[in-house]
């Protein structure tokens, strides 16, 4: 949870809190009365039972919910983020990524969970300072920090930044795979056939991501 005052907006609620709000609105759109919906929204964002608030606190809490009707702001992508007291460094150079990144990336993309997959997706690019991806730190802790302490505004901006590079990410990996594998193929005819298949795979991949 991100610590905030009554001036709530998308820059100080976490991914996890936003997912709860999204689930609340999507799953109970026609079932909850407006008053019940507001009560549950306050419960999520303030982590308090609204019925225990005094009238002044409750009025300020209700007033603070107005930001939910506004558009998500675009945030500047930073080089690092402080999450739960830990510094997470952002890795932007996709060409430096390892095979493990690509394998995990493909699994996340296939899940098609939308914002629910953001913590796992962003954990591909945010690592604790001094660490390489999934090396020497607890991945589950990193995902929790991202989920509970990265604002939804930062998360959406980061996700859009990297999804815009997804074609490049996929192409670079396939090119690397083509080059490294072709070195082990001694027969010229076999190597040519392999390269042609890889070109076709890259072309189909780009077409698939462009839709």
N, C-alpha and C. Protein backbone atom coordinates (compact mmCIF):
# COMPACT_ATOMS: atom_id res chain seq x y z
N UNK A 1 0.84 -1.20 0.00
CA UNK A 1 0.00 0.00 0.00
C UNK A 1 0.87 1.24 0.00
N UNK A 2 0.47 2.23 -0.78
CA UNK A 2 1.16 3.51 -0.80
C UNK A 2 0.56 4.40 0.27
N UNK A 3 1.40 5.06 1.05
CA UNK A 3 0.90 5.95 2.08
C UNK A 3 0.49 7.28 1.45
N UNK A 4 -0.71 7.75 1.77
CA UNK A 4 -1.22 8.96 1.17
C UNK A 4 -2.12 9.71 2.14
N UNK A 5 -2.43 10.94 1.78
CA UNK A 5 -3.40 11.70 2.57
C UNK A 5 -4.73 11.72 1.82
N UNK A 6 -5.55 12.72 2.10
CA UNK A 6 -6.86 12.76 1.47
C UNK A 6 -6.83 13.22 0.02
N UNK A 7 -5.67 13.65 -0.47
CA UNK A 7 -5.56 14.08 -1.87
C UNK A 7 -5.23 12.88 -2.75
N UNK A 8 -6.19 12.01 -2.90
CA UNK A 8 -5.97 10.79 -3.67
C UNK A 8 -5.96 11.08 -5.17
N UNK A 9 -5.09 10.38 -5.89
CA UNK A 9 -5.14 10.35 -7.34
C UNK A 9 -4.41 9.10 -7.81
N UNK A 10 -4.29 8.94 -9.12
CA UNK A 10 -3.70 7.72 -9.65
C UNK A 10 -2.20 7.59 -9.34
N UNK A 11 -1.58 8.67 -8.89
CA UNK A 11 -0.14 8.62 -8.59
C UNK A 11 0.15 8.12 -7.18
N UNK A 12 -0.88 7.95 -6.36
CA UNK A 12 -0.61 7.46 -5.00
C UNK A 12 -1.53 6.32 -4.56
N UNK A 13 -2.06 5.60 -5.56
CA UNK A 13 -2.67 4.31 -5.23
C UNK A 13 -1.89 3.24 -5.97
N UNK A 14 -1.73 2.10 -5.36
CA UNK A 14 -0.88 1.05 -5.91
C UNK A 14 -1.58 0.24 -6.98
N UNK A 15 -0.80 -0.58 -7.68
CA UNK A 15 -1.37 -1.49 -8.67
C UNK A 15 -2.40 -2.39 -7.99
N UNK A 16 -2.02 -2.95 -6.85
CA UNK A 16 -2.91 -3.87 -6.14
C UNK A 16 -4.23 -3.23 -5.76
N UNK A 17 -4.19 -1.99 -5.29
CA UNK A 17 -5.41 -1.29 -4.92
C UNK A 17 -6.28 -1.02 -6.14
N UNK A 18 -5.64 -0.65 -7.24
CA UNK A 18 -6.39 -0.39 -8.47
C UNK A 18 -7.06 -1.66 -8.98
N UNK A 19 -6.36 -2.79 -8.88
CA UNK A 19 -6.94 -4.07 -9.30
C UNK A 19 -8.17 -4.39 -8.46
N UNK A 20 -8.09 -4.13 -7.16
CA UNK A 20 -9.25 -4.35 -6.29
C UNK A 20 -10.43 -3.48 -6.70
N UNK A 21 -10.15 -2.22 -7.01
CA UNK A 21 -11.20 -1.31 -7.46
C UNK A 21 -11.81 -1.80 -8.78
N UNK A 22 -10.96 -2.23 -9.68
CA UNK A 22 -11.42 -2.72 -10.98
C UNK A 22 -12.31 -3.94 -10.81
N UNK A 23 -11.88 -4.87 -9.95
CA UNK A 23 -12.69 -6.07 -9.70
C UNK A 23 -14.03 -5.70 -9.07
N UNK A 24 -14.00 -4.75 -8.17
CA UNK A 24 -15.22 -4.31 -7.50
C UNK A 24 -16.22 -3.74 -8.51
N UNK A 25 -15.74 -2.90 -9.41
CA UNK A 25 -16.62 -2.26 -10.38
C UNK A 25 -17.10 -3.22 -11.45
N UNK A 26 -16.22 -4.10 -11.91
CA UNK A 26 -16.59 -5.02 -12.98
C UNK A 26 -17.48 -6.15 -12.50
N UNK A 27 -17.21 -6.64 -11.30
CA UNK A 27 -17.95 -7.81 -10.81
C UNK A 27 -19.26 -7.46 -10.11
N UNK A 28 -19.44 -6.19 -9.73
CA UNK A 28 -20.63 -5.81 -8.98
C UNK A 28 -21.36 -4.63 -9.61
N UNK A 29 -21.17 -4.47 -10.91
CA UNK A 29 -21.71 -3.29 -11.58
C UNK A 29 -23.21 -3.12 -11.37
N UNK A 30 -23.96 -4.22 -11.38
CA UNK A 30 -25.41 -4.12 -11.29
C UNK A 30 -25.96 -4.64 -9.96
N UNK A 31 -25.07 -5.07 -9.07
CA UNK A 31 -25.53 -5.70 -7.85
C UNK A 31 -25.48 -4.77 -6.64
N UNK A 32 -24.51 -3.89 -6.57
CA UNK A 32 -24.35 -3.04 -5.40
C UNK A 32 -25.04 -1.69 -5.60
N UNK A 33 -25.64 -1.21 -4.53
CA UNK A 33 -26.16 0.15 -4.54
C UNK A 33 -24.99 1.12 -4.55
N UNK A 34 -25.21 2.33 -5.02
CA UNK A 34 -24.14 3.33 -5.10
C UNK A 34 -23.48 3.55 -3.74
N UNK A 35 -24.29 3.59 -2.68
CA UNK A 35 -23.74 3.83 -1.34
C UNK A 35 -22.81 2.69 -0.92
N UNK A 36 -23.20 1.46 -1.22
CA UNK A 36 -22.37 0.31 -0.88
C UNK A 36 -21.06 0.33 -1.66
N UNK A 37 -21.15 0.74 -2.92
CA UNK A 37 -19.97 0.82 -3.77
C UNK A 37 -18.97 1.82 -3.20
N UNK A 38 -19.45 2.98 -2.80
CA UNK A 38 -18.59 4.01 -2.21
C UNK A 38 -17.94 3.50 -0.93
N UNK A 39 -18.71 2.80 -0.10
CA UNK A 39 -18.17 2.26 1.14
C UNK A 39 -17.02 1.30 0.87
N UNK A 40 -17.20 0.44 -0.11
CA UNK A 40 -16.16 -0.54 -0.42
C UNK A 40 -14.93 0.12 -1.04
N UNK A 41 -15.15 1.15 -1.84
CA UNK A 41 -14.02 1.89 -2.42
C UNK A 41 -13.19 2.54 -1.32
N UNK A 42 -13.86 3.12 -0.34
CA UNK A 42 -13.15 3.74 0.79
C UNK A 42 -12.39 2.68 1.58
N UNK A 43 -13.01 1.53 1.77
CA UNK A 43 -12.36 0.43 2.49
C UNK A 43 -11.06 0.03 1.79
N UNK A 44 -11.09 -0.05 0.46
CA UNK A 44 -9.91 -0.46 -0.30
C UNK A 44 -8.81 0.60 -0.22
N UNK A 45 -9.17 1.85 -0.46
CA UNK A 45 -8.16 2.91 -0.59
C UNK A 45 -7.62 3.40 0.75
N UNK A 46 -8.42 3.32 1.80
CA UNK A 46 -7.97 3.81 3.11
C UNK A 46 -7.65 2.67 4.08
N UNK A 47 -7.97 1.45 3.66
CA UNK A 47 -7.75 0.29 4.52
C UNK A 47 -8.38 0.51 5.90
N UNK A 48 -9.54 1.13 5.89
CA UNK A 48 -10.29 1.39 7.11
C UNK A 48 -11.76 1.09 6.89
N UNK A 49 -12.43 0.69 7.94
CA UNK A 49 -13.87 0.50 7.87
C UNK A 49 -14.52 1.88 7.88
N UNK A 50 -15.19 2.26 6.80
CA UNK A 50 -15.77 3.62 6.74
C UNK A 50 -16.79 3.88 7.84
N UNK A 51 -17.39 2.82 8.38
CA UNK A 51 -18.40 2.99 9.43
C UNK A 51 -17.77 3.43 10.75
N UNK A 52 -16.44 3.31 10.85
CA UNK A 52 -15.75 3.75 12.08
C UNK A 52 -15.25 5.18 11.96
N UNK A 53 -15.40 5.80 10.79
CA UNK A 53 -14.95 7.17 10.59
C UNK A 53 -15.96 8.15 11.20
N UNK A 54 -15.43 9.30 11.65
CA UNK A 54 -16.38 10.35 12.03
C UNK A 54 -16.90 11.04 10.78
N UNK A 55 -17.89 11.88 10.91
CA UNK A 55 -18.54 12.49 9.76
C UNK A 55 -17.57 13.30 8.92
N UNK A 56 -16.67 14.05 9.58
CA UNK A 56 -15.70 14.87 8.85
C UNK A 56 -14.76 13.99 8.04
N UNK A 57 -14.24 12.92 8.62
CA UNK A 57 -13.34 12.00 7.92
C UNK A 57 -14.05 11.35 6.73
N UNK A 58 -15.29 10.96 6.96
CA UNK A 58 -16.05 10.28 5.91
C UNK A 58 -16.31 11.22 4.73
N UNK A 59 -16.68 12.46 5.02
CA UNK A 59 -16.93 13.42 3.96
C UNK A 59 -15.68 13.67 3.12
N UNK A 60 -14.52 13.78 3.78
CA UNK A 60 -13.26 14.00 3.05
C UNK A 60 -12.91 12.77 2.22
N UNK A 61 -13.21 11.58 2.76
CA UNK A 61 -12.92 10.35 2.02
C UNK A 61 -13.77 10.25 0.77
N UNK A 62 -15.04 10.57 0.89
CA UNK A 62 -15.94 10.54 -0.26
C UNK A 62 -15.49 11.56 -1.30
N UNK A 63 -15.13 12.74 -0.84
CA UNK A 63 -14.67 13.80 -1.74
C UNK A 63 -13.42 13.37 -2.52
N UNK A 64 -12.56 12.60 -1.85
CA UNK A 64 -11.30 12.19 -2.48
C UNK A 64 -11.49 11.20 -3.61
N UNK A 65 -12.66 10.57 -3.71
CA UNK A 65 -12.90 9.57 -4.74
C UNK A 65 -13.15 10.17 -6.12
N UNK A 66 -13.24 11.48 -6.21
CA UNK A 66 -13.55 12.14 -7.48
C UNK A 66 -12.52 11.84 -8.57
N UNK A 67 -11.29 11.54 -8.15
CA UNK A 67 -10.24 11.31 -9.15
C UNK A 67 -10.54 10.09 -10.02
N UNK A 68 -11.38 9.18 -9.53
CA UNK A 68 -11.68 7.96 -10.27
C UNK A 68 -12.42 8.24 -11.58
N UNK A 69 -13.00 9.42 -11.70
CA UNK A 69 -13.70 9.80 -12.93
C UNK A 69 -12.78 10.47 -13.94
N UNK A 70 -11.51 10.69 -13.55
CA UNK A 70 -10.56 11.36 -14.42
C UNK A 70 -9.73 10.35 -15.22
N UNK A 71 -9.02 10.84 -16.23
CA UNK A 71 -8.15 10.00 -17.03
C UNK A 71 -6.86 9.70 -16.28
N UNK A 72 -6.26 8.59 -16.61
CA UNK A 72 -4.98 8.22 -16.02
C UNK A 72 -3.89 9.15 -16.55
N UNK A 73 -3.11 9.79 -15.68
CA UNK A 73 -2.05 10.68 -16.18
C UNK A 73 -0.87 9.90 -16.76
N UNK A 74 -0.18 10.51 -17.70
CA UNK A 74 1.04 9.90 -18.25
C UNK A 74 2.22 10.34 -17.40
N UNK A 75 2.99 9.37 -16.95
CA UNK A 75 4.11 9.65 -16.06
C UNK A 75 5.44 9.51 -16.80
N UNK A 76 6.42 10.29 -16.38
CA UNK A 76 7.75 10.17 -16.95
C UNK A 76 8.40 8.87 -16.47
N UNK A 77 8.98 8.13 -17.39
CA UNK A 77 9.67 6.89 -17.03
C UNK A 77 11.00 7.24 -16.37
N UNK A 78 11.19 6.77 -15.15
CA UNK A 78 12.39 7.10 -14.38
C UNK A 78 13.42 5.96 -14.46
N UNK A 79 14.62 6.26 -14.02
CA UNK A 79 15.69 5.25 -14.02
C UNK A 79 15.59 4.29 -12.84
N UNK A 80 14.92 4.72 -11.78
CA UNK A 80 14.77 3.85 -10.61
C UNK A 80 13.53 4.27 -9.82
N UNK A 81 13.07 3.35 -8.98
CA UNK A 81 11.87 3.58 -8.17
C UNK A 81 12.11 3.05 -6.76
N UNK A 82 11.71 3.83 -5.75
CA UNK A 82 11.79 3.38 -4.37
C UNK A 82 10.49 2.68 -4.01
N UNK A 83 10.56 1.41 -3.72
CA UNK A 83 9.38 0.61 -3.41
C UNK A 83 9.59 -0.13 -2.10
N UNK A 84 8.76 0.18 -1.12
CA UNK A 84 8.85 -0.46 0.19
C UNK A 84 10.24 -0.29 0.81
N UNK A 85 10.85 0.87 0.58
CA UNK A 85 12.17 1.15 1.14
C UNK A 85 13.31 0.56 0.35
N UNK A 86 13.02 -0.09 -0.77
CA UNK A 86 14.04 -0.71 -1.60
C UNK A 86 14.14 0.00 -2.95
N UNK A 87 15.37 0.19 -3.42
CA UNK A 87 15.58 0.85 -4.70
C UNK A 87 15.55 -0.18 -5.82
N UNK A 88 14.64 0.01 -6.76
CA UNK A 88 14.54 -0.87 -7.92
C UNK A 88 15.00 -0.11 -9.16
N UNK A 89 15.96 -0.70 -9.86
CA UNK A 89 16.55 -0.08 -11.04
C UNK A 89 15.80 -0.55 -12.28
N UNK A 90 15.51 0.39 -13.18
CA UNK A 90 14.80 0.07 -14.41
C UNK A 90 15.80 -0.26 -15.52
N UNK A 91 15.63 -1.40 -16.15
CA UNK A 91 16.49 -1.84 -17.25
C UNK A 91 15.76 -1.60 -18.56
N UNK A 92 16.23 -0.64 -19.33
CA UNK A 92 15.55 -0.23 -20.56
C UNK A 92 16.15 -0.85 -21.82
N UNK A 93 17.41 -1.30 -21.74
CA UNK A 93 18.09 -1.79 -22.93
C UNK A 93 17.66 -3.23 -23.21
N UNK A 94 16.67 -3.39 -24.09
CA UNK A 94 16.14 -4.72 -24.38
C UNK A 94 17.18 -5.63 -25.04
N UNK A 95 18.13 -5.03 -25.73
CA UNK A 95 19.15 -5.83 -26.42
C UNK A 95 20.07 -6.55 -25.44
N UNK A 96 20.08 -6.12 -24.19
CA UNK A 96 20.94 -6.75 -23.19
C UNK A 96 20.22 -7.84 -22.42
N UNK A 97 18.96 -8.08 -22.72
CA UNK A 97 18.19 -9.05 -21.96
C UNK A 97 18.61 -10.48 -22.31
N UNK A 98 18.39 -11.37 -21.36
CA UNK A 98 18.79 -12.77 -21.49
C UNK A 98 17.60 -13.62 -21.96
N UNK A 99 17.90 -14.87 -22.28
CA UNK A 99 16.87 -15.80 -22.72
C UNK A 99 15.78 -15.94 -21.66
N UNK A 100 16.17 -15.93 -20.39
CA UNK A 100 15.20 -16.07 -19.30
C UNK A 100 14.14 -14.97 -19.35
N UNK A 101 14.56 -13.76 -19.71
CA UNK A 101 13.61 -12.67 -19.85
C UNK A 101 12.55 -13.01 -20.89
N UNK A 102 13.01 -13.49 -22.04
CA UNK A 102 12.09 -13.75 -23.14
C UNK A 102 11.12 -14.87 -22.79
N UNK A 103 11.62 -15.93 -22.17
CA UNK A 103 10.75 -17.06 -21.80
C UNK A 103 9.66 -16.60 -20.83
N UNK A 104 10.05 -15.84 -19.81
CA UNK A 104 9.07 -15.34 -18.83
C UNK A 104 8.12 -14.33 -19.48
N UNK A 105 8.66 -13.50 -20.36
CA UNK A 105 7.85 -12.51 -21.08
C UNK A 105 6.75 -13.20 -21.90
N UNK A 106 7.11 -14.25 -22.61
CA UNK A 106 6.14 -14.97 -23.43
C UNK A 106 5.04 -15.58 -22.57
N UNK A 107 5.41 -16.14 -21.42
CA UNK A 107 4.42 -16.74 -20.53
C UNK A 107 3.43 -15.71 -20.02
N UNK A 108 3.95 -14.52 -19.67
CA UNK A 108 3.09 -13.45 -19.16
C UNK A 108 2.16 -12.96 -20.26
N UNK A 109 2.69 -12.78 -21.47
CA UNK A 109 1.87 -12.31 -22.57
C UNK A 109 0.76 -13.30 -22.92
N UNK A 110 1.05 -14.58 -22.81
CA UNK A 110 0.06 -15.60 -23.14
C UNK A 110 -1.05 -15.66 -22.10
N UNK A 111 -0.77 -15.20 -20.88
CA UNK A 111 -1.79 -15.25 -19.83
C UNK A 111 -2.95 -14.30 -20.10
N UNK A 112 -2.67 -13.19 -20.83
CA UNK A 112 -3.70 -12.21 -21.21
C UNK A 112 -4.54 -11.75 -20.02
N UNK A 113 -3.87 -11.44 -18.90
CA UNK A 113 -4.58 -11.02 -17.70
C UNK A 113 -4.68 -9.50 -17.56
N UNK A 114 -4.15 -8.77 -18.51
CA UNK A 114 -4.25 -7.32 -18.44
C UNK A 114 -3.49 -6.75 -17.26
N UNK A 115 -4.12 -5.79 -16.58
CA UNK A 115 -3.45 -5.11 -15.46
C UNK A 115 -3.08 -6.07 -14.34
N UNK A 116 -3.80 -7.15 -14.19
CA UNK A 116 -3.48 -8.13 -13.16
C UNK A 116 -2.08 -8.72 -13.35
N UNK A 117 -1.58 -8.71 -14.57
CA UNK A 117 -0.25 -9.26 -14.83
C UNK A 117 0.85 -8.21 -14.75
N UNK A 118 0.49 -6.95 -14.49
CA UNK A 118 1.48 -5.88 -14.46
C UNK A 118 2.63 -6.13 -13.46
N UNK A 119 2.36 -6.58 -12.24
CA UNK A 119 3.49 -6.81 -11.32
C UNK A 119 4.50 -7.80 -11.88
N UNK A 120 4.03 -8.91 -12.46
CA UNK A 120 4.94 -9.89 -13.05
C UNK A 120 5.62 -9.33 -14.28
N UNK A 121 4.88 -8.61 -15.11
CA UNK A 121 5.43 -8.03 -16.32
C UNK A 121 6.53 -7.02 -15.99
N UNK A 122 6.26 -6.12 -15.05
CA UNK A 122 7.22 -5.08 -14.72
C UNK A 122 8.42 -5.62 -13.95
N UNK A 123 8.25 -6.77 -13.31
CA UNK A 123 9.39 -7.41 -12.62
C UNK A 123 10.44 -7.88 -13.61
N UNK A 124 10.09 -7.96 -14.90
CA UNK A 124 11.09 -8.28 -15.93
C UNK A 124 12.09 -7.15 -16.09
N UNK A 125 11.65 -5.93 -15.80
CA UNK A 125 12.45 -4.74 -16.09
C UNK A 125 12.93 -4.01 -14.84
N UNK A 126 12.30 -4.28 -13.69
CA UNK A 126 12.69 -3.64 -12.43
C UNK A 126 13.35 -4.68 -11.53
N UNK A 127 14.60 -4.44 -11.17
CA UNK A 127 15.31 -5.36 -10.27
C UNK A 127 15.90 -4.58 -9.11
N UNK A 128 16.05 -5.22 -7.94
CA UNK A 128 16.70 -4.54 -6.82
C UNK A 128 18.10 -4.06 -7.23
N UNK A 129 18.47 -2.90 -6.73
CA UNK A 129 19.77 -2.32 -7.09
C UNK A 129 20.90 -3.30 -6.83
N UNK A 130 21.78 -3.45 -7.81
CA UNK A 130 22.93 -4.33 -7.67
C UNK A 130 22.69 -5.75 -8.13
N UNK A 131 21.50 -6.03 -8.66
CA UNK A 131 21.16 -7.39 -9.08
C UNK A 131 20.76 -7.45 -10.55
N UNK A 132 21.10 -8.57 -11.17
CA UNK A 132 20.60 -8.88 -12.50
C UNK A 132 19.25 -9.57 -12.35
N UNK A 133 18.55 -9.72 -13.45
CA UNK A 133 17.21 -10.30 -13.41
C UNK A 133 17.19 -11.68 -12.77
N UNK A 134 16.35 -11.81 -11.73
CA UNK A 134 16.10 -13.09 -11.05
C UNK A 134 17.40 -13.75 -10.58
N UNK A 135 18.33 -12.95 -10.11
CA UNK A 135 19.63 -13.47 -9.67
C UNK A 135 20.02 -12.84 -8.34
N UNK A 136 20.00 -13.60 -7.27
CA UNK A 136 20.46 -13.13 -5.97
C UNK A 136 19.42 -12.38 -5.16
N UNK A 137 18.17 -12.46 -5.54
CA UNK A 137 17.10 -11.83 -4.76
C UNK A 137 15.84 -12.66 -4.89
N UNK A 138 14.88 -12.41 -4.01
CA UNK A 138 13.63 -13.18 -4.01
C UNK A 138 12.65 -12.55 -4.99
N UNK A 139 12.34 -13.25 -6.06
CA UNK A 139 11.45 -12.71 -7.09
C UNK A 139 10.05 -12.44 -6.56
N UNK A 140 9.56 -13.33 -5.70
CA UNK A 140 8.21 -13.14 -5.16
C UNK A 140 8.12 -11.86 -4.33
N UNK A 141 9.19 -11.52 -3.61
CA UNK A 141 9.22 -10.28 -2.83
C UNK A 141 9.22 -9.07 -3.76
N UNK A 142 9.99 -9.16 -4.84
CA UNK A 142 10.03 -8.06 -5.81
C UNK A 142 8.66 -7.83 -6.43
N UNK A 143 7.98 -8.91 -6.79
CA UNK A 143 6.65 -8.78 -7.39
C UNK A 143 5.67 -8.16 -6.40
N UNK A 144 5.78 -8.54 -5.12
CA UNK A 144 4.90 -7.96 -4.09
C UNK A 144 5.19 -6.47 -3.91
N UNK A 145 6.47 -6.10 -3.91
CA UNK A 145 6.82 -4.68 -3.78
C UNK A 145 6.23 -3.87 -4.93
N UNK A 146 6.34 -4.41 -6.14
CA UNK A 146 5.81 -3.71 -7.30
C UNK A 146 4.29 -3.61 -7.20
N UNK A 147 3.65 -4.69 -6.81
CA UNK A 147 2.19 -4.71 -6.70
C UNK A 147 1.67 -3.75 -5.64
N UNK A 148 2.36 -3.70 -4.50
CA UNK A 148 1.85 -2.95 -3.34
C UNK A 148 2.36 -1.53 -3.22
N UNK A 149 3.45 -1.19 -3.93
CA UNK A 149 4.06 0.12 -3.72
C UNK A 149 4.30 0.94 -4.99
N UNK A 150 4.20 0.34 -6.16
CA UNK A 150 4.32 1.11 -7.40
C UNK A 150 2.95 1.68 -7.74
N UNK A 151 2.88 2.98 -8.00
CA UNK A 151 1.58 3.58 -8.30
C UNK A 151 1.04 3.06 -9.62
N UNK A 152 -0.27 3.01 -9.74
CA UNK A 152 -0.89 2.54 -10.97
C UNK A 152 -0.55 3.47 -12.13
N UNK A 153 -0.39 4.75 -11.86
CA UNK A 153 -0.02 5.70 -12.92
C UNK A 153 1.37 5.38 -13.48
N UNK A 154 2.34 5.14 -12.58
CA UNK A 154 3.68 4.75 -13.02
C UNK A 154 3.65 3.40 -13.74
N UNK A 155 2.86 2.47 -13.21
CA UNK A 155 2.79 1.13 -13.78
C UNK A 155 2.27 1.16 -15.21
N UNK A 156 1.20 1.91 -15.45
CA UNK A 156 0.62 1.98 -16.79
C UNK A 156 1.60 2.64 -17.76
N UNK A 157 2.26 3.71 -17.31
CA UNK A 157 3.23 4.38 -18.19
C UNK A 157 4.40 3.47 -18.51
N UNK A 158 4.89 2.72 -17.53
CA UNK A 158 5.98 1.77 -17.76
C UNK A 158 5.54 0.65 -18.69
N UNK A 159 4.36 0.12 -18.44
CA UNK A 159 3.87 -0.98 -19.27
C UNK A 159 3.71 -0.53 -20.72
N UNK A 160 3.19 0.66 -20.93
CA UNK A 160 3.03 1.18 -22.29
C UNK A 160 4.38 1.39 -22.95
N UNK A 161 5.36 1.86 -22.17
CA UNK A 161 6.71 2.08 -22.69
C UNK A 161 7.31 0.79 -23.22
N UNK A 162 7.17 -0.29 -22.43
CA UNK A 162 7.79 -1.55 -22.83
C UNK A 162 6.95 -2.32 -23.84
N UNK A 163 5.64 -2.20 -23.76
CA UNK A 163 4.82 -2.89 -24.76
C UNK A 163 5.03 -2.29 -26.14
N UNK A 164 5.35 -1.01 -26.19
CA UNK A 164 5.65 -0.37 -27.47
C UNK A 164 6.93 -0.95 -28.06
N UNK A 165 7.77 -1.52 -27.19
CA UNK A 165 9.04 -2.10 -27.64
C UNK A 165 8.94 -3.61 -27.81
N UNK A 166 7.74 -4.16 -27.66
CA UNK A 166 7.61 -5.62 -27.65
C UNK A 166 8.01 -6.25 -28.98
N UNK A 167 7.72 -5.57 -30.10
CA UNK A 167 8.12 -6.11 -31.39
C UNK A 167 9.63 -6.17 -31.48
N UNK A 168 10.29 -5.08 -31.06
CA UNK A 168 11.75 -5.06 -31.05
C UNK A 168 12.29 -6.14 -30.14
N UNK A 169 11.69 -6.29 -28.96
CA UNK A 169 12.11 -7.29 -27.99
C UNK A 169 12.07 -8.68 -28.62
N UNK A 170 10.95 -9.02 -29.23
CA UNK A 170 10.78 -10.34 -29.84
C UNK A 170 11.74 -10.53 -31.00
N UNK A 171 11.87 -9.51 -31.85
CA UNK A 171 12.73 -9.62 -33.02
C UNK A 171 14.19 -9.79 -32.64
N UNK A 172 14.65 -9.00 -31.67
CA UNK A 172 16.04 -9.11 -31.23
C UNK A 172 16.34 -10.50 -30.71
N UNK A 173 15.39 -11.06 -29.95
CA UNK A 173 15.63 -12.38 -29.40
C UNK A 173 15.69 -13.43 -30.52
N UNK A 174 14.75 -13.34 -31.45
CA UNK A 174 14.73 -14.31 -32.53
C UNK A 174 15.97 -14.20 -33.41
N UNK A 175 16.45 -12.98 -33.59
CA UNK A 175 17.68 -12.79 -34.36
C UNK A 175 18.87 -13.40 -33.63
N UNK A 176 18.89 -13.19 -32.32
CA UNK A 176 19.96 -13.79 -31.50
C UNK A 176 19.90 -15.30 -31.60
N UNK A 177 18.68 -15.85 -31.49
CA UNK A 177 18.51 -17.29 -31.56
C UNK A 177 18.95 -17.83 -32.91
N UNK A 178 18.60 -17.09 -33.97
CA UNK A 178 18.98 -17.51 -35.31
C UNK A 178 20.49 -17.54 -35.47
N UNK A 179 21.16 -16.49 -35.00
CA UNK A 179 22.61 -16.38 -35.15
C UNK A 179 23.34 -17.45 -34.34
N UNK A 180 22.95 -17.58 -33.05
CA UNK A 180 23.65 -18.51 -32.17
C UNK A 180 23.43 -19.95 -32.59
N UNK A 181 22.23 -20.28 -33.08
CA UNK A 181 21.94 -21.65 -33.47
C UNK A 181 22.59 -21.99 -34.79
N UNK A 182 22.62 -21.03 -35.71
CA UNK A 182 23.18 -21.31 -37.03
C UNK A 182 24.68 -21.62 -36.96
N UNK A 183 25.33 -21.13 -35.93
CA UNK A 183 26.76 -21.40 -35.77
C UNK A 183 27.02 -22.89 -35.51
N UNK A 184 26.01 -23.58 -34.99
CA UNK A 184 26.19 -25.00 -34.68
C UNK A 184 25.80 -25.89 -35.85
N UNK A 185 25.26 -25.28 -36.91
CA UNK A 185 24.85 -26.06 -38.07
C UNK A 185 25.95 -25.98 -39.13
N UNK A 186 26.60 -27.08 -39.37
CA UNK A 186 27.76 -27.10 -40.27
C UNK A 186 27.37 -27.21 -41.73
N UNK A 187 26.32 -27.94 -41.99
CA UNK A 187 25.92 -28.16 -43.38
C UNK A 187 25.30 -26.89 -43.97
N UNK A 188 25.83 -26.41 -45.09
CA UNK A 188 25.38 -25.15 -45.68
C UNK A 188 23.90 -25.21 -46.08
N UNK A 189 23.46 -26.30 -46.66
CA UNK A 189 22.07 -26.43 -47.09
C UNK A 189 21.13 -26.38 -45.88
N UNK A 190 21.50 -27.09 -44.84
CA UNK A 190 20.68 -27.12 -43.63
C UNK A 190 20.64 -25.74 -42.98
N UNK A 191 21.81 -25.04 -42.97
CA UNK A 191 21.88 -23.71 -42.38
C UNK A 191 20.99 -22.74 -43.15
N UNK A 192 20.99 -22.82 -44.48
CA UNK A 192 20.16 -21.93 -45.30
C UNK A 192 18.68 -22.17 -45.03
N UNK A 193 18.29 -23.43 -44.94
CA UNK A 193 16.89 -23.75 -44.66
C UNK A 193 16.48 -23.23 -43.29
N UNK A 194 17.40 -23.37 -42.33
CA UNK A 194 17.11 -22.89 -40.97
C UNK A 194 16.93 -21.37 -40.96
N UNK A 195 17.82 -20.65 -41.65
CA UNK A 195 17.73 -19.19 -41.70
C UNK A 195 16.43 -18.74 -42.35
N UNK A 196 16.02 -19.43 -43.40
CA UNK A 196 14.77 -19.06 -44.07
C UNK A 196 13.58 -19.24 -43.14
N UNK A 197 13.59 -20.31 -42.37
CA UNK A 197 12.50 -20.55 -41.43
C UNK A 197 12.49 -19.49 -40.33
N UNK A 198 13.68 -19.07 -39.90
CA UNK A 198 13.77 -18.05 -38.85
C UNK A 198 13.28 -16.70 -39.39
N UNK A 199 13.61 -16.39 -40.65
CA UNK A 199 13.11 -15.14 -41.25
C UNK A 199 11.58 -15.15 -41.29
N UNK A 200 11.02 -16.29 -41.65
CA UNK A 200 9.56 -16.41 -41.71
C UNK A 200 8.96 -16.25 -40.32
N UNK A 201 9.61 -16.85 -39.32
CA UNK A 201 9.12 -16.76 -37.95
C UNK A 201 9.16 -15.32 -37.45
N UNK A 202 10.24 -14.59 -37.74
CA UNK A 202 10.35 -13.19 -37.34
C UNK A 202 9.27 -12.36 -38.02
N UNK A 203 9.05 -12.61 -39.32
CA UNK A 203 8.04 -11.84 -40.06
C UNK A 203 6.65 -12.09 -39.50
N UNK A 204 6.33 -13.35 -39.19
CA UNK A 204 5.02 -13.68 -38.63
C UNK A 204 4.85 -13.09 -37.23
N UNK A 205 5.95 -13.07 -36.47
CA UNK A 205 5.90 -12.51 -35.12
C UNK A 205 5.59 -11.02 -35.17
N UNK A 206 6.29 -10.30 -36.05
CA UNK A 206 6.05 -8.86 -36.19
C UNK A 206 4.61 -8.59 -36.62
N UNK A 207 4.12 -9.38 -37.56
CA UNK A 207 2.74 -9.21 -38.02
C UNK A 207 1.76 -9.46 -36.89
N UNK A 208 2.05 -10.47 -36.06
CA UNK A 208 1.16 -10.80 -34.96
C UNK A 208 1.10 -9.71 -33.92
N UNK A 209 2.23 -9.06 -33.63
CA UNK A 209 2.28 -8.02 -32.61
C UNK A 209 1.78 -6.69 -33.13
N UNK A 210 1.65 -6.56 -34.44
CA UNK A 210 1.23 -5.27 -35.00
C UNK A 210 -0.28 -5.10 -35.01
N UNK A 211 -1.01 -6.17 -34.72
CA UNK A 211 -2.48 -6.07 -34.74
C UNK A 211 -2.99 -5.54 -33.42
